[in-house]
Amino acid sequence: MEACNQNSMAPGALLDLYRSAFDAYLRWWSVLLPGSGCAPGPCTIPETQCPPRCECTLEWDTCEGKPVAGTLDIHNTGHGAAKFTLRAGAFRADCAATEVMPQLEPASFELAPGAHQVVRISVKVDGSFEPGREYQSTVTIAGRYEDCAQLRLRVHRVRTPCCVIDHGEIPRRIRAHNWFDHFQCEQLCFEPAGQLRQPVPPHR
């Protein structure tokens, strides 16, 4: 009994057949669609990216109890007037939080097209800020939409050089009057404050 001689197509030939049919399909649509005859590169749709929500960052390095300040300069680059309202959150660190919020002056205003407003940001660094940590806060600017600015505050321990001055009675020194006698001479080390220094008499 002879085996049946089936007319089967190889996988490679089948793939070529599908590819040629797909190419013919694309050529047919290229006739119907306007501008479809361009090459793939020049005909790609141009894309743009959204700007970052937080446009800038203010950073401070300060010591315990020392306040800091900075400014935001807000420009109205739109075509019409816009009202702006600013609000700030409390400063927080990874494992620590405070109830201190930045003070904003002014916190609300209206800007004409092309105008700008400088907003002063001040922070009172109290005992709730732990030295050695970096704290962060966010200022939200609500106009036509919401922008924001990041605030970073690093607090260090106070290491101010200290010089102790003991100020009492005017110091005195004692010296021998002459080498051949046994008298002593006592003199003030400094002139009293507010008095003119007396001229030294010339030696005879």
Protein backbone atom coordinates (compact mmCIF):
# COMPACT_ATOMS: atom_id res chain seq x y z
CA MET A 1 0.00 0.00 0.00
CA GLU A 2 1.46 3.25 -1.08
CA ALA A 3 1.50 6.18 1.27
CA CYS A 4 -0.70 9.10 0.35
CA ASN A 5 1.23 11.92 -1.34
CA GLN A 6 -0.26 15.02 0.43
CA ASN A 7 0.46 18.37 -1.14
CA SER A 8 1.54 20.31 2.02
CA MET A 9 3.13 23.81 2.07
CA ALA A 10 6.32 24.45 4.07
CA PRO A 11 6.08 26.90 7.02
CA GLY A 12 8.46 29.36 5.35
CA ALA A 13 6.45 29.48 2.16
CA LEU A 14 3.24 30.00 4.13
CA LEU A 15 4.80 32.97 5.98
CA ASP A 16 5.90 34.52 2.68
CA LEU A 17 2.35 34.17 1.35
CA TYR A 18 0.89 35.96 4.38
CA ARG A 19 3.50 38.72 4.14
CA SER A 20 2.80 39.38 0.46
CA ALA A 21 -0.93 39.53 1.18
CA PHE A 22 -0.37 42.01 4.02
CA ASP A 23 1.83 44.22 1.82
CA ALA A 24 -0.85 44.26 -0.85
CA TYR A 25 -3.39 45.27 1.80
CA LEU A 26 -1.20 48.20 2.90
CA ARG A 27 -0.71 49.34 -0.71
CA TRP A 28 -4.45 49.33 -1.20
CA TRP A 29 -5.01 51.55 1.88
CA SER A 30 -2.19 53.88 0.80
CA VAL A 31 -4.27 54.80 -2.24
CA LEU A 32 -7.34 55.62 -0.16
CA LEU A 33 -5.71 57.56 2.73
CA PRO A 34 -4.38 61.11 2.00
CA GLY A 35 -0.71 61.60 2.69
CA SER A 36 -0.19 57.90 3.31
CA GLY A 37 2.42 57.70 0.58
CA CYS A 38 5.02 59.40 2.84
CA ALA A 39 7.85 57.46 4.26
CA PRO A 40 7.35 56.31 7.89
CA GLY A 41 9.91 58.74 9.37
CA PRO A 42 8.70 62.18 8.15
CA CYS A 43 5.04 61.24 8.60
CA THR A 44 5.26 60.44 12.30
CA ILE A 45 2.97 62.52 14.51
CA PRO A 46 4.98 65.09 16.53
CA GLU A 47 4.69 64.67 20.30
CA THR A 48 5.37 67.01 23.22
CA GLN A 49 5.96 66.28 26.87
CA CYS A 50 4.19 67.86 29.83
CA PRO A 51 6.33 70.20 31.95
CA PRO A 52 7.11 69.13 35.53
CA ARG A 53 4.43 70.05 38.05
CA CYS A 54 6.99 71.46 40.47
CA GLU A 55 9.07 73.92 38.49
CA CYS A 56 11.68 74.92 41.06
CA THR A 57 13.21 74.09 44.45
CA LEU A 58 14.32 76.41 47.24
CA GLU A 59 17.01 75.01 49.54
CA TRP A 60 18.29 76.28 52.89
CA ASP A 61 21.06 75.25 55.29
CA THR A 62 20.60 76.68 58.75
CA CYS A 63 21.34 76.09 62.43
CA GLU A 64 19.01 75.38 65.31
CA GLY A 65 16.67 78.30 65.95
CA LYS A 66 17.90 80.41 63.01
CA PRO A 67 15.07 81.52 60.65
CA VAL A 68 15.42 81.40 56.86
CA ALA A 69 13.70 83.20 53.99
CA GLY A 70 13.49 83.15 50.18
CA THR A 71 11.31 84.33 47.29
CA LEU A 72 9.12 82.98 44.52
CA ASP A 73 8.78 85.11 41.38
CA ILE A 74 5.48 84.22 39.68
CA HIS A 75 4.94 85.40 36.09
CA ASN A 76 1.63 85.43 34.22
CA THR A 77 2.65 84.27 30.74
CA GLY A 78 -0.96 83.67 29.63
CA HIS A 79 -3.13 85.81 27.38
CA GLY A 80 -5.54 87.00 30.07
CA ALA A 81 -5.56 88.09 33.70
CA ALA A 82 -5.43 85.36 36.32
CA LYS A 83 -5.98 85.09 40.07
CA PHE A 84 -3.41 83.19 42.09
CA THR A 85 -3.77 81.57 45.49
CA LEU A 86 -0.81 80.02 47.32
CA ARG A 87 -0.83 77.49 50.15
CA ALA A 88 1.96 75.63 51.90
CA GLY A 89 2.25 72.35 53.76
CA ALA A 90 4.06 71.62 57.01
CA PHE A 91 7.73 70.62 56.93
CA ARG A 92 8.32 66.88 57.21
CA ALA A 93 11.27 64.50 57.17
CA ASP A 94 11.47 60.74 56.67
CA CYS A 95 10.97 59.86 60.32
CA ALA A 96 10.00 63.21 61.80
CA ALA A 97 7.29 65.80 61.26
CA THR A 98 6.71 69.36 62.39
CA GLU A 99 3.70 71.64 62.49
CA VAL A 100 5.70 74.52 61.05
CA MET A 101 4.37 75.84 57.75
CA PRO A 102 6.14 78.44 55.60
CA GLN A 103 4.72 81.96 55.80
CA LEU A 104 3.72 83.35 52.38
CA GLU A 105 3.46 87.09 51.73
CA PRO A 106 1.27 87.74 49.79
CA ALA A 107 -0.70 84.49 49.63
CA SER A 108 -3.24 85.67 47.00
CA PHE A 109 -3.15 88.23 44.19
CA GLU A 110 -4.23 88.89 40.61
CA LEU A 111 -1.85 89.35 37.70
CA ALA A 112 -2.42 90.99 34.34
CA PRO A 113 -0.88 89.36 31.26
CA GLY A 114 2.89 89.80 31.36
CA ALA A 115 2.92 90.94 35.01
CA HIS A 116 4.74 89.19 37.84
CA GLN A 117 4.58 89.04 41.63
CA VAL A 118 7.37 88.34 44.14
CA VAL A 119 6.20 86.18 47.06
CA ARG A 120 8.35 86.13 50.19
CA ILE A 121 8.70 82.77 51.95
CA SER A 122 9.88 82.75 55.58
CA VAL A 123 10.37 79.82 57.93
CA LYS A 124 10.78 79.91 61.72
CA VAL A 125 13.07 77.06 62.70
CA ASP A 126 11.91 76.03 66.18
CA GLY A 127 12.70 73.10 68.45
CA SER A 128 10.58 70.66 66.44
CA PHE A 129 13.32 70.55 63.76
CA GLU A 130 15.84 67.86 64.63
CA PRO A 131 19.47 68.63 63.74
CA GLY A 132 20.96 66.42 61.07
CA ARG A 133 17.70 65.90 59.15
CA GLU A 134 16.47 67.28 55.83
CA TYR A 135 12.90 68.57 55.91
CA GLN A 136 10.67 69.15 52.90
CA SER A 137 7.54 71.16 52.20
CA THR A 138 5.53 72.07 49.11
CA VAL A 139 4.05 75.40 48.08
CA THR A 140 1.07 75.00 45.74
CA ILE A 141 0.34 77.84 43.31
CA ALA A 142 -3.26 77.70 42.06
CA GLY A 143 -3.94 79.89 39.03
CA ARG A 144 -5.37 78.56 35.78
CA TYR A 145 -4.05 75.22 37.01
CA GLU A 146 -1.86 74.11 39.94
CA ASP A 147 1.91 74.59 39.92
CA CYS A 148 4.15 73.91 42.87
CA ALA A 149 7.55 74.67 44.32
CA GLN A 150 9.56 72.35 46.56
CA LEU A 151 11.19 73.59 49.77
CA ARG A 152 14.14 71.79 51.37
CA LEU A 153 15.55 72.71 54.77
CA ARG A 154 18.64 71.13 56.35
CA VAL A 155 19.18 71.85 60.04
CA HIS A 156 22.61 71.65 61.68
CA ARG A 157 23.70 71.84 65.28
CA VAL A 158 24.93 75.19 66.54
CA ARG A 159 28.72 75.23 66.35
CA THR A 160 29.37 78.95 66.81
CA PRO A 161 32.90 79.65 68.16
CA CYS A 162 32.74 81.01 71.70
CA CYS A 163 35.36 83.23 73.35
CA VAL A 164 35.02 83.70 77.14
CA ILE A 165 36.20 87.08 78.49
CA ASP A 166 36.70 87.59 82.25
CA HIS A 167 36.35 91.30 82.98
CA GLY A 168 36.83 92.45 86.58
CA GLU A 169 39.13 94.95 88.25
CA ILE A 170 41.98 96.38 86.22
CA PRO A 171 44.86 93.91 86.40
CA ARG A 172 48.11 95.08 88.00
CA ARG A 173 51.67 93.97 87.61
CA ILE A 174 54.54 94.17 90.05
CA ARG A 175 58.13 94.70 88.97
CA ALA A 176 61.36 95.45 90.71
CA HIS A 177 62.20 99.14 90.90
CA ASN A 178 65.95 98.62 90.46
CA TRP A 179 68.15 95.58 90.59
CA PHE A 180 70.26 96.91 93.42
CA ASP A 181 67.48 97.77 95.88
CA HIS A 182 64.57 95.88 97.31
CA PHE A 183 61.72 98.19 96.29
CA GLN A 184 58.80 97.06 94.18
CA CYS A 185 56.80 99.10 91.69
CA GLU A 186 53.14 98.36 91.06
CA GLN A 187 51.54 99.46 87.76
CA LEU A 188 48.15 99.13 86.06
CA CYS A 189 48.23 96.80 83.09
CA PHE A 190 45.60 98.84 81.20
CA GLU A 191 44.40 102.43 81.22
CA PRO A 192 40.93 103.00 82.72
CA ALA A 193 38.22 103.18 80.05
CA GLY A 194 37.28 106.69 78.98
CA GLN A 195 40.52 108.28 80.15
CA LEU A 196 43.29 109.55 77.94
CA ARG A 197 46.55 107.75 78.18
CA GLN A 198 49.08 109.87 80.03
CA PRO A 199 52.31 110.59 78.14
CA VAL A 200 55.34 108.72 79.39
CA PRO A 201 57.93 111.17 80.81
CA PRO A 202 61.25 111.01 79.02
CA HIS A 203 64.15 109.27 80.74
CA ARG A 204 66.88 111.54 82.08
